[in-house]
Amino acid sequence: MSPLAPEQLPERQLKFGKWFLLHQPGLHRWLVIILIIINFLLIGFGIVGLVGYYFVTAEEHDRLLLNLTQSGVNYEAHRLANAAQPPQVDRVLILPAGEGRFDFVVRVVNPNPYWALLNFDYEFFYDGVGAGQQQGSLAPGEEKYFVALGVKSDRLPRQANWEIGNLNWRWVIDYPSVVDDRSRFNLSGITYAPSRATGLSERLPVSQASFTVTNASAYSYWQVPIVVLLYRGSNVVGVNQVILDQVLSGQTRSVALNWYEPLGEVTRVDARIQPNLLAASNFMSPSGLPQLFE
């Protein structure tokens, strides 16, 4: 489409064009003035903002920036509240085990619901003498009995202590499910025969506790320790331990433990099955074990 000739333009457009040409220099000057005014306003606003920041709000601004880098959570209090608590150790019991020998037993509880002691060293000390270092473990919330049997001493120790070291703590994801899945041992037929009824020896006062244990879990174990406590009322009068080797899934074992010293009356037998459920090396087929630790 070809442009219109000047004589074809509307009169209004012609008048506007004439007015624009006549006033173009003035309009240019006003545009420059307006831009200068806007520039001065922007510069003035910037100067006012800088002055206000450095002399009025700088301290508050820095404080707000500092707060952005700090958390309101008290991490130290959280760490202390969730830190592993030391095991709770009862008084060490000293029991006669024949001429010149004694048995030591102590009850230990792990009070932590999520922290496990995967392994640690422990030793009984009596009258400043060590009974030999051993290794143990404690699962979350576990109550376990530790023993040292047949410790030689010329006289009855006045006192004994249980000391631990080299503690290896680990956080366990869900230990109750581990117990439900792996610790399915059934005890049955627990009996105690005092020395006069065993017929094991005519010269020695041999007492015997016997029972059967069944591994009802789907796992086979290299070792399953069992601690047996003999009670007279509420007092422990005898202790013994047996470690069952290669306990297969579904297997039933008969167990008998003997005491070769006079025990007097025994009113209750308590057999404590204490397998290490957290060590993969204790399982005969550990490849299918789920992840336990974080």
Protein backbone atom coordinates (compact mmCIF):
# COMPACT_ATOMS: atom_id res chain seq x y z
CA MET A 1 0.00 0.00 0.00
CA SER A 2 1.56 3.34 -1.10
CA PRO A 3 1.83 6.21 1.44
CA LEU A 4 -0.68 9.09 1.25
CA ALA A 5 0.30 12.33 -0.45
CA PRO A 6 0.43 15.45 1.77
CA GLU A 7 -2.77 16.79 0.25
CA GLN A 8 -4.51 13.48 1.16
CA LEU A 9 -3.70 13.65 4.93
CA PRO A 10 -6.46 14.69 7.33
CA GLU A 11 -6.33 18.30 8.49
CA ARG A 12 -5.90 17.27 12.11
CA GLN A 13 -2.71 15.29 11.39
CA LEU A 14 -1.33 18.17 9.37
CA LYS A 15 -1.93 20.60 12.21
CA PHE A 16 -0.29 18.24 14.74
CA GLY A 17 2.73 17.78 12.51
CA LYS A 18 3.09 21.53 12.05
CA TRP A 19 2.78 22.12 15.81
CA PHE A 20 5.36 19.42 16.58
CA LEU A 21 7.87 20.88 14.15
CA LEU A 22 7.43 24.36 15.57
CA HIS A 23 7.73 23.22 19.22
CA GLN A 24 10.30 20.44 18.82
CA PRO A 25 13.21 22.39 20.38
CA GLY A 26 11.10 23.30 23.42
CA LEU A 27 9.86 19.74 23.86
CA HIS A 28 13.46 18.50 23.73
CA ARG A 29 14.46 20.95 26.46
CA TRP A 30 11.55 19.89 28.69
CA LEU A 31 12.40 16.21 28.19
CA VAL A 32 15.98 16.86 29.22
CA ILE A 33 14.81 18.83 32.27
CA ILE A 34 12.43 16.05 33.32
CA LEU A 35 15.18 13.40 32.95
CA ILE A 36 17.58 15.56 34.97
CA ILE A 37 14.95 15.96 37.72
CA ILE A 38 14.34 12.17 37.81
CA ASN A 39 18.09 11.56 37.94
CA PHE A 40 18.50 13.99 40.86
CA LEU A 41 15.57 12.33 42.66
CA LEU A 42 17.14 8.89 42.24
CA ILE A 43 20.53 10.12 43.38
CA GLY A 44 18.95 11.89 46.34
CA PHE A 45 17.02 8.76 47.30
CA GLY A 46 20.23 6.74 47.14
CA ILE A 47 22.10 9.25 49.30
CA VAL A 48 19.29 9.30 51.86
CA GLY A 49 19.29 5.47 51.93
CA LEU A 50 23.06 5.30 52.46
CA VAL A 51 22.97 7.92 55.20
CA GLY A 52 20.08 6.11 56.88
CA TYR A 53 21.86 2.77 56.67
CA TYR A 54 25.21 3.88 58.07
CA PHE A 55 23.83 6.16 60.77
CA VAL A 56 20.44 4.63 61.65
CA THR A 57 19.85 1.02 60.56
CA ALA A 58 23.34 -0.42 60.01
CA GLU A 59 23.51 -2.12 63.40
CA GLU A 60 20.03 -3.60 63.10
CA HIS A 61 20.77 -4.75 59.55
CA ASP A 62 23.97 -6.49 60.61
CA ARG A 63 22.12 -8.18 63.46
CA LEU A 64 19.47 -9.50 61.08
CA LEU A 65 22.15 -10.81 58.72
CA LEU A 66 23.87 -12.52 61.63
CA ASN A 67 20.60 -14.13 62.71
CA LEU A 68 20.23 -15.59 59.22
CA THR A 69 23.43 -17.58 59.73
CA GLN A 70 22.47 -18.81 63.19
CA SER A 71 19.95 -21.46 64.11
CA GLY A 72 17.57 -21.22 67.01
CA VAL A 73 18.17 -24.90 67.82
CA ASN A 74 20.35 -25.58 70.83
CA TYR A 75 22.49 -28.28 69.26
CA GLU A 76 24.62 -28.75 72.36
CA ALA A 77 21.57 -29.45 74.51
CA HIS A 78 20.25 -31.82 71.82
CA ARG A 79 23.60 -33.63 71.66
CA LEU A 80 23.77 -34.03 75.42
CA ALA A 81 20.15 -35.22 75.62
CA ASN A 82 20.78 -37.89 72.98
CA ALA A 83 24.31 -38.90 73.98
CA ALA A 84 24.96 -42.47 75.05
CA GLN A 85 24.63 -42.95 78.80
CA PRO A 86 27.07 -45.29 80.58
CA PRO A 87 25.91 -48.78 81.52
CA GLN A 88 24.26 -49.26 84.91
CA VAL A 89 26.33 -51.73 86.94
CA ASP A 90 25.08 -53.55 90.04
CA ARG A 91 27.27 -54.69 92.90
CA VAL A 92 29.56 -57.59 92.02
CA LEU A 93 28.57 -60.81 93.77
CA ILE A 94 31.31 -63.12 95.07
CA LEU A 95 30.28 -66.78 95.35
CA PRO A 96 32.33 -69.74 96.62
CA ALA A 97 33.29 -72.20 93.87
CA GLY A 98 35.26 -74.83 95.70
CA GLU A 99 38.45 -74.72 97.73
CA GLY A 100 40.52 -71.64 96.84
CA ARG A 101 38.17 -70.63 93.99
CA PHE A 102 35.40 -68.10 93.62
CA ASP A 103 32.81 -67.08 91.02
CA PHE A 104 32.10 -63.43 90.21
CA VAL A 105 28.83 -62.28 88.66
CA VAL A 106 27.45 -58.82 87.95
CA ARG A 107 24.22 -57.56 86.44
CA VAL A 108 24.68 -54.78 83.85
CA VAL A 109 21.96 -52.81 82.06
CA ASN A 110 22.30 -50.61 78.99
CA PRO A 111 19.87 -47.72 79.70
CA ASN A 112 19.99 -46.37 76.14
CA PRO A 113 17.02 -47.20 73.86
CA TYR A 114 19.02 -46.62 70.65
CA TRP A 115 22.71 -46.82 71.53
CA ALA A 116 24.41 -50.23 71.48
CA LEU A 117 27.78 -51.23 72.83
CA LEU A 118 28.92 -53.39 69.95
CA ASN A 119 31.99 -54.48 71.84
CA PHE A 120 34.06 -53.51 74.86
CA ASP A 121 36.70 -54.93 77.16
CA TYR A 122 35.85 -55.82 80.74
CA GLU A 123 37.56 -57.36 83.72
CA PHE A 124 36.75 -58.26 87.29
CA PHE A 125 39.18 -56.97 89.91
CA TYR A 126 39.31 -58.31 93.45
CA ASP A 127 41.62 -56.92 96.13
CA GLY A 128 43.61 -55.18 93.37
CA VAL A 129 44.05 -58.36 91.31
CA GLY A 130 42.61 -58.80 87.82
CA ALA A 131 40.67 -61.96 86.96
CA GLY A 132 41.49 -61.77 83.23
CA GLN A 133 40.24 -59.49 80.49
CA GLN A 134 37.22 -60.51 78.43
CA GLN A 135 35.09 -58.96 75.69
CA GLY A 136 31.39 -58.26 75.79
CA SER A 137 28.53 -56.44 74.13
CA LEU A 138 25.31 -54.74 75.21
CA ALA A 139 22.32 -54.14 72.97
CA PRO A 140 19.97 -51.15 73.50
CA GLY A 141 18.02 -51.61 76.73
CA GLU A 142 19.60 -55.02 77.32
CA GLU A 143 20.08 -56.56 80.76
CA LYS A 144 22.98 -58.97 80.81
CA TYR A 145 24.94 -60.96 83.40
CA PHE A 146 28.73 -61.11 83.13
CA VAL A 147 30.68 -63.78 84.99
CA ALA A 148 34.18 -64.91 85.83
CA LEU A 149 34.18 -68.50 87.04
CA GLY A 150 36.67 -70.40 89.17
CA VAL A 151 38.88 -67.42 89.99
CA LYS A 152 41.74 -68.51 92.24
CA SER A 153 42.25 -66.77 95.56
CA ASP A 154 43.82 -67.93 98.81
CA ARG A 155 41.15 -66.17 100.83
CA LEU A 156 37.68 -64.78 100.36
CA PRO A 157 38.01 -61.48 98.45
CA ARG A 158 36.83 -58.55 100.49
CA GLN A 159 35.29 -56.87 97.47
CA ALA A 160 35.27 -57.04 93.69
CA ASN A 161 34.79 -54.47 90.95
CA TRP A 162 33.76 -54.73 87.30
CA GLU A 163 35.61 -52.34 85.00
CA ILE A 164 35.11 -51.68 81.27
CA GLY A 165 37.11 -49.94 78.57
CA ASN A 166 37.44 -49.45 74.81
CA LEU A 167 33.72 -48.85 74.42
CA ASN A 168 32.44 -49.01 70.83
CA TRP A 169 29.05 -47.26 70.72
CA ARG A 170 26.77 -47.48 67.68
CA TRP A 171 23.29 -46.09 67.01
CA VAL A 172 20.83 -48.91 66.23
CA ILE A 173 17.90 -48.17 63.93
CA ASP A 174 15.19 -50.45 65.40
CA TYR A 175 16.42 -52.94 67.96
CA PRO A 176 12.99 -54.22 69.17
CA SER A 177 12.35 -55.57 65.68
CA VAL A 178 15.78 -57.24 65.79
CA VAL A 179 14.82 -59.03 69.02
CA ASP A 180 11.47 -60.11 67.61
CA ASP A 181 13.13 -61.47 64.49
CA ARG A 182 16.28 -63.10 65.87
CA SER A 183 15.93 -63.86 69.57
CA ARG A 184 13.45 -66.73 69.45
CA PHE A 185 14.90 -69.15 71.95
CA ASN A 186 12.55 -71.31 73.98
CA LEU A 187 13.52 -72.79 77.35
CA SER A 188 11.70 -75.80 78.71
CA GLY A 189 12.06 -78.50 81.33
CA ILE A 190 14.11 -76.44 83.77
CA THR A 191 14.97 -78.64 86.75
CA TYR A 192 17.40 -78.51 89.63
CA ALA A 193 18.74 -81.56 91.43
CA PRO A 194 20.59 -80.94 94.72
CA SER A 195 23.70 -82.95 95.48
CA ARG A 196 21.84 -85.59 97.47
CA ALA A 197 19.60 -86.35 94.49
CA THR A 198 21.95 -86.27 91.50
CA GLY A 199 23.87 -89.46 92.16
CA LEU A 200 26.74 -88.05 90.15
CA SER A 201 29.35 -88.52 92.82
CA GLU A 202 29.53 -90.19 96.20
CA ARG A 203 32.37 -88.00 97.47
CA LEU A 204 31.63 -84.56 95.96
CA PRO A 205 28.44 -82.55 96.59
CA VAL A 206 27.52 -82.28 92.89
CA SER A 207 24.35 -80.29 92.17
CA GLN A 208 22.91 -79.99 88.68
CA ALA A 209 20.58 -77.69 86.74
CA SER A 210 19.24 -78.97 83.44
CA PHE A 211 16.90 -77.78 80.71
CA THR A 212 16.34 -77.84 76.95
CA VAL A 213 16.70 -74.85 74.64
CA THR A 214 15.22 -74.56 71.15
CA ASN A 215 16.31 -72.07 68.51
CA ALA A 216 12.93 -71.17 66.96
CA SER A 217 14.34 -68.38 64.81
CA ALA A 218 15.29 -68.56 61.15
CA TYR A 219 18.94 -67.90 62.01
CA SER A 220 21.79 -70.20 62.97
CA TYR A 221 24.38 -69.01 65.48
CA TRP A 222 28.03 -69.82 65.98
CA GLN A 223 27.76 -69.22 69.71
CA VAL A 224 24.91 -68.82 72.19
CA PRO A 225 26.03 -68.08 75.79
CA ILE A 226 23.68 -69.07 78.61
CA VAL A 227 24.18 -67.89 82.20
CA VAL A 228 22.39 -69.88 84.89
CA LEU A 229 21.67 -68.31 88.29
CA LEU A 230 20.58 -70.27 91.34
CA TYR A 231 18.48 -68.42 93.92
CA ARG A 232 17.57 -68.96 97.52
CA GLY A 233 14.71 -66.56 97.91
CA SER A 234 15.96 -63.30 96.40
CA ASN A 235 19.65 -64.09 96.91
CA VAL A 236 21.94 -65.58 94.27
CA VAL A 237 23.75 -68.59 95.72
CA GLY A 238 25.26 -70.08 92.57
CA VAL A 239 26.19 -69.12 89.02
CA ASN A 240 27.41 -71.02 86.00
CA GLN A 241 27.76 -70.48 82.28
CA VAL A 242 27.70 -72.62 79.15
CA ILE A 243 28.38 -71.52 75.57
CA LEU A 244 26.54 -73.54 72.95
CA ASP A 245 28.42 -73.80 69.65
CA GLN A 246 26.82 -73.91 66.19
CA VAL A 247 23.19 -73.66 67.22
CA LEU A 248 21.22 -74.29 64.05
CA SER A 249 17.81 -72.90 63.20
CA GLY A 250 15.08 -75.13 64.59
CA GLN A 251 17.55 -77.15 66.67
CA THR A 252 16.86 -78.30 70.24
CA ARG A 253 19.72 -78.83 72.70
CA SER A 254 19.78 -80.45 76.11
CA VAL A 255 21.89 -78.56 78.64
CA ALA A 256 23.17 -79.64 82.07
CA LEU A 257 25.41 -77.59 84.36
CA ASN A 258 27.06 -78.87 87.53
CA TRP A 259 28.16 -77.25 90.80
CA TYR A 260 30.81 -79.04 92.85
CA GLU A 261 30.37 -77.30 96.19
CA PRO A 262 27.58 -77.30 98.77
CA LEU A 263 24.90 -74.78 97.81
CA GLY A 264 22.26 -75.37 100.45
CA GLU A 265 18.64 -74.86 99.54
CA VAL A 266 17.87 -73.57 96.02
CA THR A 267 14.36 -72.23 95.38
CA ARG A 268 14.64 -70.98 91.83
CA VAL A 269 16.69 -71.50 88.66
CA ASP A 270 17.05 -68.58 86.22
CA ALA A 271 18.60 -69.38 82.82
CA ARG A 272 19.60 -66.30 80.82
CA ILE A 273 20.15 -66.80 77.06
CA GLN A 274 22.48 -64.02 75.97
CA PRO A 275 23.34 -64.26 72.24
CA ASN A 276 25.00 -61.35 70.48
CA LEU A 277 22.25 -60.32 68.06
CA LEU A 278 24.13 -57.35 66.61
CA ALA A 279 27.38 -58.97 65.43
CA ALA A 280 27.04 -60.32 61.89
CA SER A 281 30.04 -62.57 62.60
CA ASN A 282 27.92 -64.51 65.13
CA PHE A 283 25.51 -65.67 62.42
CA MET A 284 26.41 -68.72 60.38
CA SER A 285 24.84 -67.18 57.25
CA PRO A 286 25.16 -63.40 57.70
CA SER A 287 24.73 -62.39 54.04
CA GLY A 288 20.96 -61.91 54.35
CA LEU A 289 21.02 -59.80 57.51
CA PRO A 290 19.34 -56.37 57.24
CA GLN A 291 21.20 -53.11 57.87
CA LEU A 292 21.02 -52.17 61.57
CA PHE A 293 23.28 -49.17 62.06
CA GLU A 294 23.09 -45.55 60.97
